[in-house]
N, C-alpha and C. Protein backbone atom coordinates (compact mmCIF):
# COMPACT_ATOMS: atom_id res chain seq x y z
N MET A 1 0.83 -1.18 0.00
CA MET A 1 0.00 0.00 0.00
C MET A 1 0.88 1.25 0.00
N ASP A 2 0.29 2.35 -0.31
CA ASP A 2 1.05 3.59 -0.33
C ASP A 2 0.32 4.66 0.45
N SER A 3 0.91 5.84 0.47
CA SER A 3 0.32 6.93 1.25
C SER A 3 -1.03 7.37 0.71
N GLY A 4 -1.38 6.98 -0.52
CA GLY A 4 -2.66 7.35 -1.10
C GLY A 4 -3.81 6.47 -0.64
N ASP A 5 -3.53 5.49 0.22
CA ASP A 5 -4.59 4.59 0.67
C ASP A 5 -5.72 5.33 1.37
N SER A 6 -5.38 6.33 2.16
CA SER A 6 -6.42 7.04 2.91
C SER A 6 -7.29 7.89 1.99
N GLU A 7 -6.85 8.08 0.76
CA GLU A 7 -7.60 8.90 -0.18
C GLU A 7 -8.58 8.09 -1.02
N LYS A 8 -8.55 6.78 -0.90
CA LYS A 8 -9.45 5.93 -1.69
C LYS A 8 -10.82 5.89 -1.04
N SER A 9 -11.85 5.97 -1.87
CA SER A 9 -13.22 5.92 -1.38
C SER A 9 -13.90 4.59 -1.67
N TYR A 10 -13.40 3.88 -2.69
CA TYR A 10 -14.00 2.62 -3.09
C TYR A 10 -12.92 1.56 -3.24
N ILE A 11 -13.17 0.42 -2.64
CA ILE A 11 -12.34 -0.75 -2.82
C ILE A 11 -13.21 -1.77 -3.55
N VAL A 12 -12.75 -2.19 -4.72
CA VAL A 12 -13.47 -3.17 -5.52
C VAL A 12 -12.65 -4.45 -5.51
N VAL A 13 -13.27 -5.55 -5.13
CA VAL A 13 -12.59 -6.84 -5.15
C VAL A 13 -13.15 -7.65 -6.31
N VAL A 14 -12.27 -8.01 -7.23
CA VAL A 14 -12.65 -8.86 -8.35
C VAL A 14 -12.33 -10.30 -7.93
N GLN A 15 -13.37 -11.12 -7.92
CA GLN A 15 -13.24 -12.50 -7.48
C GLN A 15 -13.40 -13.45 -8.67
N CYS A 16 -12.87 -14.65 -8.52
CA CYS A 16 -12.98 -15.70 -9.53
C CYS A 16 -14.45 -16.11 -9.67
N ASP A 17 -14.95 -16.03 -10.89
CA ASP A 17 -16.34 -16.38 -11.15
C ASP A 17 -16.64 -17.83 -10.79
N HIS A 18 -15.71 -18.72 -11.10
CA HIS A 18 -15.93 -20.13 -10.79
C HIS A 18 -16.01 -20.37 -9.29
N ALA A 19 -15.11 -19.73 -8.55
CA ALA A 19 -15.11 -19.92 -7.09
C ALA A 19 -16.38 -19.38 -6.47
N ILE A 20 -16.81 -18.18 -6.86
CA ILE A 20 -17.99 -17.61 -6.21
C ILE A 20 -19.29 -18.26 -6.67
N SER A 21 -19.28 -18.85 -7.86
CA SER A 21 -20.51 -19.51 -8.31
C SER A 21 -20.65 -20.91 -7.73
N GLN A 22 -19.54 -21.48 -7.26
CA GLN A 22 -19.59 -22.85 -6.78
C GLN A 22 -19.40 -23.00 -5.27
N VAL A 23 -18.57 -22.15 -4.66
CA VAL A 23 -18.25 -22.42 -3.26
C VAL A 23 -18.08 -21.18 -2.39
N CYS A 24 -17.70 -20.05 -2.95
CA CYS A 24 -17.32 -18.91 -2.12
C CYS A 24 -18.42 -17.84 -2.07
N SER A 25 -18.77 -17.44 -0.88
CA SER A 25 -19.77 -16.39 -0.71
C SER A 25 -19.16 -14.99 -0.77
N GLY A 26 -17.84 -14.90 -0.69
CA GLY A 26 -17.17 -13.61 -0.63
C GLY A 26 -17.02 -13.09 0.78
N PHE A 27 -17.56 -13.81 1.76
CA PHE A 27 -17.53 -13.37 3.15
C PHE A 27 -16.11 -13.15 3.65
N GLN A 28 -15.21 -14.08 3.34
CA GLN A 28 -13.85 -13.99 3.88
C GLN A 28 -13.14 -12.72 3.40
N CYS A 29 -13.30 -12.37 2.14
CA CYS A 29 -12.69 -11.14 1.63
C CYS A 29 -13.31 -9.91 2.28
N GLU A 30 -14.62 -9.90 2.41
CA GLU A 30 -15.28 -8.76 3.04
C GLU A 30 -14.88 -8.65 4.50
N HIS A 31 -14.77 -9.77 5.17
CA HIS A 31 -14.37 -9.78 6.57
C HIS A 31 -12.93 -9.25 6.72
N ALA A 32 -12.03 -9.66 5.83
CA ALA A 32 -10.65 -9.16 5.86
C ALA A 32 -10.63 -7.66 5.63
N PHE A 33 -11.48 -7.17 4.73
CA PHE A 33 -11.55 -5.72 4.49
C PHE A 33 -12.03 -5.00 5.74
N THR A 34 -13.10 -5.49 6.34
CA THR A 34 -13.66 -4.85 7.53
C THR A 34 -12.66 -4.84 8.68
N ALA A 35 -11.91 -5.94 8.83
CA ALA A 35 -10.91 -6.05 9.90
C ALA A 35 -9.59 -5.40 9.52
N ARG A 36 -9.45 -4.99 8.25
CA ARG A 36 -8.21 -4.39 7.72
C ARG A 36 -7.03 -5.34 7.91
N THR A 37 -7.22 -6.58 7.48
CA THR A 37 -6.16 -7.58 7.53
C THR A 37 -5.82 -8.02 6.11
N GLY A 38 -4.79 -8.83 5.98
CA GLY A 38 -4.39 -9.35 4.68
C GLY A 38 -4.07 -8.23 3.72
N GLY A 39 -4.61 -8.31 2.52
CA GLY A 39 -4.36 -7.31 1.49
C GLY A 39 -4.94 -5.94 1.79
N PHE A 40 -5.72 -5.84 2.85
CA PHE A 40 -6.36 -4.56 3.20
C PHE A 40 -5.73 -3.90 4.44
N ALA A 41 -4.63 -4.45 4.91
CA ALA A 41 -4.02 -3.98 6.16
C ALA A 41 -3.58 -2.51 6.09
N GLY A 42 -3.28 -2.01 4.91
CA GLY A 42 -2.78 -0.64 4.79
C GLY A 42 -3.84 0.44 4.79
N TYR A 43 -5.10 0.07 4.78
CA TYR A 43 -6.16 1.07 4.75
C TYR A 43 -6.49 1.54 6.16
N PRO A 44 -6.85 2.80 6.30
CA PRO A 44 -7.19 3.29 7.64
C PRO A 44 -8.44 2.60 8.19
N ALA A 45 -8.45 2.40 9.48
CA ALA A 45 -9.57 1.72 10.14
C ALA A 45 -10.82 2.59 10.18
N THR A 46 -10.63 3.87 10.12
CA THR A 46 -11.77 4.79 10.16
C THR A 46 -11.90 5.47 8.80
N GLY A 47 -13.02 6.07 8.60
CA GLY A 47 -13.26 6.75 7.34
C GLY A 47 -14.37 6.06 6.58
N ASN A 48 -14.72 6.64 5.48
CA ASN A 48 -15.84 6.14 4.70
C ASN A 48 -15.34 5.49 3.41
N ILE A 49 -14.74 4.32 3.55
CA ILE A 49 -14.29 3.56 2.39
C ILE A 49 -15.35 2.49 2.11
N ARG A 50 -15.87 2.52 0.90
CA ARG A 50 -16.91 1.57 0.54
C ARG A 50 -16.30 0.34 -0.12
N TYR A 51 -16.96 -0.80 0.07
CA TYR A 51 -16.50 -2.09 -0.43
C TYR A 51 -17.48 -2.61 -1.46
N LEU A 52 -16.95 -3.07 -2.57
CA LEU A 52 -17.78 -3.64 -3.62
C LEU A 52 -17.05 -4.87 -4.16
N SER A 53 -17.77 -5.97 -4.31
CA SER A 53 -17.15 -7.14 -4.92
C SER A 53 -17.90 -7.49 -6.19
N MET A 54 -17.15 -8.06 -7.12
CA MET A 54 -17.74 -8.50 -8.38
C MET A 54 -16.92 -9.67 -8.90
N SER A 55 -17.55 -10.46 -9.76
CA SER A 55 -16.81 -11.56 -10.36
C SER A 55 -16.10 -11.05 -11.61
N CYS A 56 -15.13 -11.83 -12.05
CA CYS A 56 -14.42 -11.49 -13.29
C CYS A 56 -15.32 -11.73 -14.51
N GLY A 57 -16.40 -12.47 -14.31
CA GLY A 57 -17.33 -12.78 -15.39
C GLY A 57 -17.05 -14.13 -16.03
N GLY A 58 -16.07 -14.83 -15.52
CA GLY A 58 -15.71 -16.13 -16.10
C GLY A 58 -14.51 -16.01 -17.01
N CYS A 59 -13.88 -17.13 -17.25
CA CYS A 59 -12.65 -17.16 -18.06
C CYS A 59 -12.92 -16.62 -19.46
N PRO A 60 -12.04 -15.78 -19.93
CA PRO A 60 -10.76 -15.33 -19.37
C PRO A 60 -10.84 -14.03 -18.58
N GLY A 61 -12.01 -13.57 -18.21
CA GLY A 61 -12.16 -12.33 -17.45
C GLY A 61 -12.57 -11.14 -18.29
N ARG A 62 -13.13 -11.41 -19.45
CA ARG A 62 -13.49 -10.32 -20.37
C ARG A 62 -14.53 -9.36 -19.78
N ALA A 63 -15.38 -9.84 -18.90
CA ALA A 63 -16.42 -8.98 -18.34
C ALA A 63 -15.86 -7.95 -17.35
N THR A 64 -14.64 -8.16 -16.90
CA THR A 64 -14.05 -7.25 -15.92
C THR A 64 -14.04 -5.82 -16.44
N LEU A 65 -13.58 -5.62 -17.65
CA LEU A 65 -13.51 -4.27 -18.21
C LEU A 65 -14.90 -3.65 -18.30
N ARG A 66 -15.88 -4.38 -18.82
CA ARG A 66 -17.24 -3.83 -18.95
C ARG A 66 -17.81 -3.45 -17.59
N LYS A 67 -17.59 -4.29 -16.60
CA LYS A 67 -18.12 -4.00 -15.26
C LYS A 67 -17.45 -2.77 -14.65
N LEU A 68 -16.15 -2.65 -14.84
CA LEU A 68 -15.45 -1.50 -14.27
C LEU A 68 -15.81 -0.20 -14.99
N ILE A 69 -16.01 -0.25 -16.30
CA ILE A 69 -16.47 0.93 -17.04
C ILE A 69 -17.85 1.34 -16.54
N ASN A 70 -18.73 0.36 -16.32
CA ASN A 70 -20.05 0.64 -15.77
C ASN A 70 -19.94 1.30 -14.40
N LEU A 71 -19.05 0.80 -13.57
CA LEU A 71 -18.82 1.40 -12.26
C LEU A 71 -18.35 2.84 -12.39
N LYS A 72 -17.39 3.09 -13.25
CA LYS A 72 -16.87 4.45 -13.43
C LYS A 72 -17.97 5.41 -13.89
N LYS A 73 -18.81 4.96 -14.82
CA LYS A 73 -19.91 5.80 -15.29
C LYS A 73 -20.88 6.11 -14.16
N GLY A 74 -21.21 5.09 -13.37
CA GLY A 74 -22.11 5.30 -12.24
C GLY A 74 -21.54 6.25 -11.21
N LEU A 75 -20.26 6.11 -10.92
CA LEU A 75 -19.62 7.01 -9.95
C LEU A 75 -19.65 8.45 -10.43
N LYS A 76 -19.36 8.64 -11.70
CA LYS A 76 -19.34 10.00 -12.25
C LYS A 76 -20.73 10.60 -12.27
N LYS A 77 -21.71 9.81 -12.71
CA LYS A 77 -23.07 10.33 -12.87
C LYS A 77 -23.79 10.52 -11.54
N ARG A 78 -23.72 9.53 -10.67
CA ARG A 78 -24.54 9.55 -9.46
C ARG A 78 -23.84 10.12 -8.23
N GLU A 79 -22.52 10.06 -8.23
CA GLU A 79 -21.82 10.50 -7.02
C GLU A 79 -20.76 11.55 -7.29
N GLN A 80 -20.62 11.94 -8.55
CA GLN A 80 -19.62 12.92 -8.95
C GLN A 80 -18.25 12.58 -8.34
N THR A 81 -17.92 11.29 -8.37
CA THR A 81 -16.67 10.80 -7.80
C THR A 81 -15.72 10.45 -8.92
N ASP A 82 -14.50 10.88 -8.79
CA ASP A 82 -13.45 10.60 -9.75
C ASP A 82 -13.00 9.14 -9.63
N SER A 83 -12.68 8.51 -10.74
CA SER A 83 -12.26 7.11 -10.70
C SER A 83 -10.91 6.94 -10.01
N GLY A 84 -10.18 8.02 -9.78
CA GLY A 84 -8.95 7.97 -9.01
C GLY A 84 -9.21 7.61 -7.55
N MET A 85 -10.46 7.62 -7.16
CA MET A 85 -10.84 7.28 -5.79
C MET A 85 -11.09 5.79 -5.63
N VAL A 86 -10.84 5.01 -6.70
CA VAL A 86 -11.13 3.58 -6.71
C VAL A 86 -9.83 2.79 -6.77
N ARG A 87 -9.76 1.74 -5.98
CA ARG A 87 -8.67 0.77 -6.10
C ARG A 87 -9.29 -0.61 -6.25
N VAL A 88 -8.77 -1.37 -7.21
CA VAL A 88 -9.25 -2.71 -7.48
C VAL A 88 -8.27 -3.71 -6.89
N HIS A 89 -8.81 -4.64 -6.11
CA HIS A 89 -8.01 -5.76 -5.58
C HIS A 89 -8.41 -7.01 -6.35
N LEU A 90 -7.42 -7.71 -6.87
CA LEU A 90 -7.70 -9.04 -7.40
C LEU A 90 -7.69 -9.98 -6.21
N SER A 91 -8.77 -10.71 -6.03
CA SER A 91 -8.89 -11.58 -4.85
C SER A 91 -7.79 -12.63 -4.83
N THR A 92 -7.52 -13.10 -3.65
CA THR A 92 -6.48 -14.10 -3.47
C THR A 92 -6.81 -15.38 -4.23
N CYS A 93 -8.09 -15.68 -4.43
CA CYS A 93 -8.45 -16.89 -5.19
C CYS A 93 -8.04 -16.76 -6.65
N ILE A 94 -7.78 -15.54 -7.12
CA ILE A 94 -7.28 -15.32 -8.48
C ILE A 94 -5.76 -15.29 -8.49
N THR A 95 -5.16 -14.67 -7.49
CA THR A 95 -3.72 -14.40 -7.53
C THR A 95 -2.84 -15.48 -6.91
N HIS A 96 -3.42 -16.39 -6.13
CA HIS A 96 -2.63 -17.42 -5.46
C HIS A 96 -3.32 -18.78 -5.58
N SER A 97 -2.51 -19.83 -5.62
CA SER A 97 -3.06 -21.18 -5.56
C SER A 97 -3.65 -21.41 -4.18
N ASN A 98 -4.79 -22.09 -4.13
CA ASN A 98 -5.46 -22.35 -2.86
C ASN A 98 -6.41 -23.53 -3.05
N HIS A 99 -7.23 -23.81 -2.05
CA HIS A 99 -8.11 -24.98 -2.16
C HIS A 99 -9.18 -24.82 -3.24
N HIS A 100 -9.42 -23.61 -3.72
CA HIS A 100 -10.35 -23.40 -4.83
C HIS A 100 -9.73 -23.86 -6.15
N GLY A 101 -8.41 -23.75 -6.24
CA GLY A 101 -7.72 -24.13 -7.48
C GLY A 101 -6.39 -23.42 -7.60
N PRO A 102 -5.73 -23.58 -8.73
CA PRO A 102 -4.44 -22.92 -8.94
C PRO A 102 -4.62 -21.44 -9.22
N ARG A 103 -3.50 -20.71 -9.22
CA ARG A 103 -3.51 -19.29 -9.61
C ARG A 103 -4.19 -19.19 -10.97
N CYS A 104 -4.98 -18.18 -11.14
CA CYS A 104 -5.71 -17.99 -12.40
C CYS A 104 -4.73 -17.84 -13.57
N PRO A 105 -4.92 -18.63 -14.62
CA PRO A 105 -4.03 -18.50 -15.77
C PRO A 105 -4.27 -17.20 -16.56
N HIS A 106 -5.34 -16.49 -16.24
CA HIS A 106 -5.69 -15.26 -16.96
C HIS A 106 -5.41 -14.00 -16.14
N VAL A 107 -4.67 -14.13 -15.05
CA VAL A 107 -4.48 -12.99 -14.15
C VAL A 107 -3.85 -11.80 -14.86
N ASP A 108 -2.90 -12.01 -15.73
CA ASP A 108 -2.27 -10.89 -16.43
C ASP A 108 -3.25 -10.22 -17.39
N TYR A 109 -4.10 -11.01 -18.03
CA TYR A 109 -5.13 -10.44 -18.90
C TYR A 109 -6.09 -9.57 -18.08
N ILE A 110 -6.53 -10.08 -16.94
CA ILE A 110 -7.47 -9.34 -16.09
C ILE A 110 -6.82 -8.05 -15.60
N LYS A 111 -5.56 -8.13 -15.19
CA LYS A 111 -4.85 -6.92 -14.77
C LYS A 111 -4.78 -5.90 -15.91
N GLY A 112 -4.59 -6.39 -17.13
CA GLY A 112 -4.59 -5.50 -18.29
C GLY A 112 -5.93 -4.83 -18.51
N GLN A 113 -7.01 -5.55 -18.24
CA GLN A 113 -8.35 -4.97 -18.37
C GLN A 113 -8.57 -3.87 -17.33
N ILE A 114 -8.07 -4.09 -16.13
CA ILE A 114 -8.18 -3.08 -15.07
C ILE A 114 -7.37 -1.85 -15.45
N GLU A 115 -6.19 -2.07 -16.02
CA GLU A 115 -5.36 -0.96 -16.48
C GLU A 115 -6.06 -0.20 -17.61
N ARG A 116 -6.69 -0.92 -18.53
CA ARG A 116 -7.44 -0.27 -19.63
C ARG A 116 -8.57 0.59 -19.08
N ALA A 117 -9.15 0.17 -17.95
CA ALA A 117 -10.21 0.96 -17.32
C ALA A 117 -9.65 2.18 -16.60
N GLY A 118 -8.33 2.25 -16.49
CA GLY A 118 -7.70 3.40 -15.84
C GLY A 118 -7.76 3.36 -14.33
N LEU A 119 -7.78 2.16 -13.75
CA LEU A 119 -7.90 2.03 -12.30
C LEU A 119 -6.65 1.39 -11.70
N ASP A 120 -6.38 1.74 -10.44
CA ASP A 120 -5.29 1.13 -9.69
C ASP A 120 -5.63 -0.33 -9.41
N CYS A 121 -4.60 -1.18 -9.43
CA CYS A 121 -4.82 -2.60 -9.17
C CYS A 121 -3.81 -3.11 -8.16
N VAL A 122 -4.30 -3.95 -7.24
CA VAL A 122 -3.48 -4.59 -6.22
C VAL A 122 -3.81 -6.08 -6.25
N GLU A 123 -2.81 -6.91 -6.07
CA GLU A 123 -3.05 -8.35 -6.00
C GLU A 123 -3.28 -8.75 -4.56
N GLY A 124 -4.34 -9.50 -4.32
CA GLY A 124 -4.59 -10.10 -3.01
C GLY A 124 -5.69 -9.42 -2.21
N SER A 125 -6.33 -10.24 -1.40
CA SER A 125 -7.40 -9.77 -0.50
C SER A 125 -7.19 -10.46 0.83
N ARG A 126 -7.96 -11.49 1.12
CA ARG A 126 -7.81 -12.24 2.37
C ARG A 126 -6.59 -13.15 2.26
N ILE A 127 -5.85 -13.24 3.34
CA ILE A 127 -4.72 -14.16 3.41
C ILE A 127 -5.10 -15.25 4.40
N ALA A 128 -5.38 -16.44 3.89
CA ALA A 128 -5.79 -17.57 4.74
C ALA A 128 -4.55 -18.23 5.34
N PRO A 129 -4.48 -18.31 6.67
CA PRO A 129 -3.31 -18.94 7.30
C PRO A 129 -3.07 -20.37 6.83
N ALA A 130 -4.12 -21.17 6.69
CA ALA A 130 -3.94 -22.56 6.25
C ALA A 130 -3.38 -22.62 4.84
N ALA A 131 -3.86 -21.76 3.94
CA ALA A 131 -3.37 -21.75 2.57
C ALA A 131 -1.92 -21.26 2.52
N GLU A 132 -1.59 -20.26 3.33
CA GLU A 132 -0.20 -19.79 3.39
C GLU A 132 0.73 -20.91 3.82
N LYS A 133 0.30 -21.68 4.82
CA LYS A 133 1.11 -22.80 5.31
C LYS A 133 1.28 -23.84 4.20
N ARG A 134 0.20 -24.17 3.53
CA ARG A 134 0.28 -25.16 2.46
C ARG A 134 1.16 -24.69 1.31
N ARG A 135 1.09 -23.38 0.98
CA ARG A 135 1.96 -22.85 -0.06
C ARG A 135 3.42 -22.97 0.35
N SER A 136 3.72 -22.63 1.61
CA SER A 136 5.10 -22.70 2.08
C SER A 136 5.62 -24.14 2.12
N GLU A 137 4.73 -25.10 2.29
CA GLU A 137 5.09 -26.51 2.31
C GLU A 137 5.14 -27.11 0.90
N GLY A 138 4.76 -26.30 -0.11
CA GLY A 138 4.80 -26.78 -1.48
C GLY A 138 3.57 -27.54 -1.93
N GLN A 139 2.52 -27.55 -1.09
CA GLN A 139 1.31 -28.27 -1.47
C GLN A 139 0.56 -27.56 -2.60
N TYR A 140 0.68 -26.23 -2.63
CA TYR A 140 0.06 -25.45 -3.70
C TYR A 140 1.21 -24.89 -4.54
N GLN A 141 1.12 -25.06 -5.82
CA GLN A 141 2.14 -24.52 -6.73
C GLN A 141 1.73 -23.14 -7.18
N GLU A 142 2.63 -22.22 -7.11
CA GLU A 142 2.36 -20.84 -7.53
C GLU A 142 2.58 -20.67 -8.99
């Protein structure tokens, strides 16, 4: 994180469509955001930072750009908020191997779509202690 963290008004978490459609409710990422742990540890505990989660739209993540453009239009029209106030986190289920599956093979493409939308991007959301242990033991390949 950087010193601009306190200036962000919206945190958007892009989650794996397969994981959220089959097993993940998104609770763990939202909980990590609320507790300011894992990938969200650098954000201030107080303030009015809003949380929004969305799926990538399925492989290879083509819907990500359309969804983020829609978000930017809504922010400009309804809240007169600049898109510089938004940071996108790629969820840990996309960026790291875990019990949901391996690291997303399309992560670089999705990051490119976020860049095309003109938004800041960070890898990671919730850091699961069990998954970290398994990664360090070589059970999950990065």
